[in-house]
Protein backbone atom coordinates (compact mmCIF):
# COMPACT_ATOMS: atom_id res chain seq x y z
CA MET A 1 0.00 0.00 0.00
CA ASN A 2 1.36 3.35 -1.03
CA LYS A 3 0.70 6.59 0.80
CA GLN A 4 -0.78 9.34 -1.33
CA LYS A 5 -1.96 12.86 -0.52
CA THR A 6 -5.75 13.06 -0.32
CA SER A 7 -7.67 15.76 -2.19
CA ASP A 8 -11.08 17.39 -2.22
CA THR A 9 -11.81 16.11 -5.72
CA ARG A 10 -12.20 12.48 -4.72
CA ILE A 11 -15.34 10.46 -5.34
CA GLN A 12 -16.24 7.60 -3.02
CA LEU A 13 -16.69 4.41 -5.05
CA GLY A 14 -17.21 1.97 -2.20
CA VAL A 15 -16.56 0.86 1.34
CA VAL A 16 -14.71 -2.25 2.49
CA GLY A 17 -16.59 -4.76 4.60
CA ALA A 18 -15.63 -8.06 6.18
CA PRO A 19 -12.81 -10.30 4.95
CA GLN A 20 -13.70 -13.14 2.58
CA GLY A 21 -11.61 -16.25 3.19
CA LEU A 22 -8.00 -16.47 4.31
CA ARG A 23 -6.09 -15.02 1.35
CA GLY A 24 -6.82 -11.33 1.88
CA GLU A 25 -9.97 -10.89 -0.16
CA VAL A 26 -12.57 -8.45 1.19
CA ARG A 27 -16.23 -7.76 0.61
CA VAL A 28 -16.86 -4.32 -0.82
CA LYS A 29 -20.12 -2.42 -1.11
CA ALA A 30 -19.62 -0.65 -4.45
CA PHE A 31 -21.37 2.63 -5.26
CA THR A 32 -20.72 2.35 -8.99
CA ALA A 33 -23.62 1.77 -11.43
CA ASP A 34 -22.07 -1.62 -12.22
CA PRO A 35 -20.53 -2.94 -8.98
CA LEU A 36 -18.00 -5.02 -10.93
CA ALA A 37 -16.68 -1.80 -12.54
CA ILE A 38 -15.16 -0.57 -9.26
CA GLY A 39 -11.71 -1.50 -10.54
CA ASP A 40 -12.11 0.23 -13.91
CA TYR A 41 -11.02 3.67 -12.72
CA GLY A 42 -7.50 2.88 -11.59
CA PRO A 43 -6.02 2.67 -8.09
CA LEU A 44 -8.26 3.62 -5.19
CA THR A 45 -7.30 5.77 -2.21
CA THR A 46 -8.41 5.69 1.41
CA ASP A 47 -9.12 8.44 3.95
CA ASP A 48 -5.63 8.07 5.39
CA GLY A 49 -3.99 8.42 1.96
CA ARG A 50 -3.16 4.78 1.18
CA THR A 51 -3.39 3.62 -2.43
CA LEU A 52 -4.98 0.24 -3.13
CA THR A 53 -4.76 -1.47 -6.51
CA ILE A 54 -7.46 -3.99 -7.37
CA LEU A 55 -6.20 -7.29 -8.81
CA ASN A 56 -9.61 -8.87 -9.36
CA VAL A 57 -13.30 -8.42 -8.58
CA ARG A 58 -16.11 -10.94 -8.49
CA SER A 59 -19.77 -10.73 -7.66
CA ALA A 60 -21.20 -12.12 -4.40
CA LYS A 61 -24.85 -11.49 -3.44
CA ASN A 62 -25.23 -7.77 -2.59
CA VAL A 63 -21.50 -6.95 -2.68
CA VAL A 64 -18.38 -7.66 -4.70
CA VAL A 65 -15.37 -9.58 -3.46
CA VAL A 66 -12.13 -7.73 -4.14
CA ARG A 67 -8.51 -8.81 -4.06
CA PHE A 68 -6.05 -5.93 -3.59
CA ALA A 69 -2.41 -6.15 -4.69
CA ASP A 70 -0.86 -5.52 -1.27
CA ILE A 71 -3.35 -7.42 0.89
CA SER A 72 -2.38 -11.07 1.09
CA ASP A 73 -3.80 -12.43 4.36
CA ARG A 74 -6.90 -12.30 6.51
CA ASN A 75 -5.31 -10.05 9.16
CA ALA A 76 -4.51 -7.35 6.62
CA ALA A 77 -8.01 -7.76 5.15
CA GLU A 78 -9.61 -7.37 8.60
CA ALA A 79 -7.70 -4.15 9.13
CA LEU A 80 -9.46 -2.65 6.07
CA ASN A 81 -12.98 -3.27 7.39
CA GLY A 82 -14.94 0.00 7.21
CA THR A 83 -12.40 1.73 4.94
CA SER A 84 -13.87 4.09 2.34
CA LEU A 85 -12.49 3.76 -1.19
CA TYR A 86 -12.07 6.79 -3.45
CA VAL A 87 -10.94 7.72 -6.94
CA GLU A 88 -10.06 11.17 -8.28
CA ARG A 89 -12.98 12.89 -10.04
CA GLU A 90 -10.95 13.22 -13.25
CA ALA A 91 -10.72 9.41 -13.50
CA LEU A 92 -14.48 9.22 -14.11
CA PRO A 93 -15.85 9.54 -17.64
CA ASP A 94 -17.27 12.91 -18.69
CA ASP A 95 -19.42 11.57 -21.54
CA LEU A 96 -22.60 11.44 -19.48
CA GLU A 97 -26.09 11.22 -20.92
CA GLU A 98 -28.40 14.23 -20.79
CA GLU A 99 -29.75 14.71 -17.25
CA GLU A 100 -26.91 12.54 -15.91
CA PHE A 101 -24.35 13.95 -13.49
CA TYR A 102 -22.20 13.01 -10.54
CA HIS A 103 -23.57 13.96 -7.13
CA THR A 104 -20.25 15.54 -6.22
CA ASP A 105 -20.64 18.00 -9.11
CA LEU A 106 -23.72 19.44 -7.38
CA ILE A 107 -21.98 20.39 -4.14
CA GLY A 108 -21.48 24.15 -3.99
CA ILE A 109 -23.51 25.10 -7.05
CA ALA A 110 -26.19 27.78 -6.96
CA VAL A 111 -29.84 27.05 -6.24
CA VAL A 112 -32.33 29.29 -8.05
CA ASP A 113 -36.10 29.44 -8.24
CA GLY A 114 -38.16 29.28 -11.47
CA ALA A 115 -37.65 33.03 -12.05
CA GLY A 116 -33.87 32.65 -11.76
CA GLU A 117 -33.71 34.33 -8.34
CA HIS A 118 -30.89 33.10 -6.11
CA VAL A 119 -32.18 30.90 -3.26
CA GLY A 120 -28.89 29.54 -1.93
CA LYS A 121 -26.34 26.86 -2.73
CA VAL A 122 -26.10 23.10 -2.39
CA ARG A 123 -24.30 22.19 0.80
CA ALA A 124 -24.60 18.39 0.60
CA LEU A 125 -26.52 15.50 -0.90
CA HIS A 126 -27.92 12.88 1.48
CA ASN A 127 -29.73 9.59 1.18
CA PHE A 128 -31.18 8.21 4.39
CA GLY A 129 -32.89 5.34 2.59
CA GLY A 130 -35.97 7.09 1.19
CA GLY A 131 -34.35 8.84 -1.78
CA ASP A 132 -31.85 11.59 -2.39
CA ILE A 133 -32.21 14.86 -0.48
CA LEU A 134 -30.40 18.12 -1.23
CA GLU A 135 -29.23 20.12 1.74
CA VAL A 136 -29.47 23.74 0.64
CA LEU A 137 -27.67 26.54 2.46
CA LEU A 138 -30.24 29.34 2.12
CA SER A 139 -29.25 32.89 1.17
CA GLU A 140 -31.52 34.25 3.91
CA GLY A 141 -29.74 32.10 6.50
CA GLY A 142 -30.19 28.57 7.75
CA SER A 143 -30.58 25.51 5.59
CA ALA A 144 -33.34 23.38 4.14
CA MET A 145 -33.68 19.77 3.09
CA VAL A 146 -35.18 19.51 -0.39
CA PRO A 147 -36.33 16.20 -1.86
CA PHE A 148 -34.29 15.50 -4.99
CA THR A 149 -37.33 14.71 -7.11
CA HIS A 150 -38.29 16.02 -10.54
CA ALA A 151 -41.19 17.95 -8.95
CA ALA A 152 -38.98 19.76 -6.41
CA VAL A 153 -35.91 20.02 -8.66
CA PRO A 154 -37.17 20.34 -12.24
CA ASN A 155 -33.81 21.38 -13.74
CA VAL A 156 -30.20 20.54 -13.02
CA ARG A 157 -27.82 22.61 -15.14
CA VAL A 158 -24.35 21.59 -14.03
CA SER A 159 -22.70 23.30 -17.01
CA LYS A 160 -24.36 26.57 -15.95
CA GLY A 161 -23.52 25.94 -12.29
CA GLU A 162 -27.09 25.94 -11.01
CA ILE A 163 -30.01 23.86 -9.89
CA GLU A 164 -33.54 25.16 -10.32
CA ILE A 165 -36.03 24.30 -7.60
CA ASP A 166 -39.79 24.69 -7.38
CA LEU A 167 -40.24 26.50 -4.07
CA VAL A 168 -43.69 25.01 -3.41
CA ALA A 169 -42.78 21.40 -4.29
CA ALA A 170 -39.53 21.81 -2.32
CA GLY A 171 -41.56 22.83 0.74
CA LEU A 172 -39.89 26.23 1.03
CA ILE A 173 -43.10 28.25 0.64
CA GLU A 174 -46.70 27.40 1.32
CA VAL A 175 -49.59 28.13 -0.99
CA GLU A 176 -52.92 28.76 0.66
CA ASP A 177 -55.65 26.39 -0.38
CA PRO A 178 -58.84 28.44 -0.84
CA GLU A 179 -60.90 25.42 0.22
CA MET A 180 -59.13 25.09 3.58
CA PRO A 181 -60.45 27.22 6.46
CA ARG A 182 -57.98 29.80 7.80
CA GLU A 183 -56.99 30.01 11.43
CA GLY A 184 -59.53 31.99 13.36
CA ASP A 185 -62.33 31.42 10.82
CA SER A 186 -65.55 30.23 12.37
CA SER A 187 -67.90 29.02 9.75
């Protein structure tokens, strides 16, 4: 394992789980579209700056089993448990389909409403199990969690450096329903 300086342009491709067998293989939860492609982007780095080179990858239920070049026994494999695996952003292909983007490319870009007015900027992207959620740092102060759905986020324009949100669908403003009684009304 080589030591390498970590950078802010890294993309997490997976996380190491339990060892598999005695020869240093590990289970990896891959975050790539095709889990077997985790080794296609070159050497991976860890949070502490180590570089790991994948020798082979095979599928196993909900994970892939990976053999790294410098990990040859179960003890070394156990030491990797919980280790995040990254690749530099520039190692990923840029020939994405329309409306396709990398989540990391959204961090820090402007958030505007339908009229183009500045609302804030994307602070983070989360997924707690029910779908992606944008954390937006609001211009007026504070932050908001916006569901990353087509209704709440109708346009993502990475090349323009902005995301357009629908303020009502995003839950940032309320629209009064004329059929609902107002507070204090006694009908």
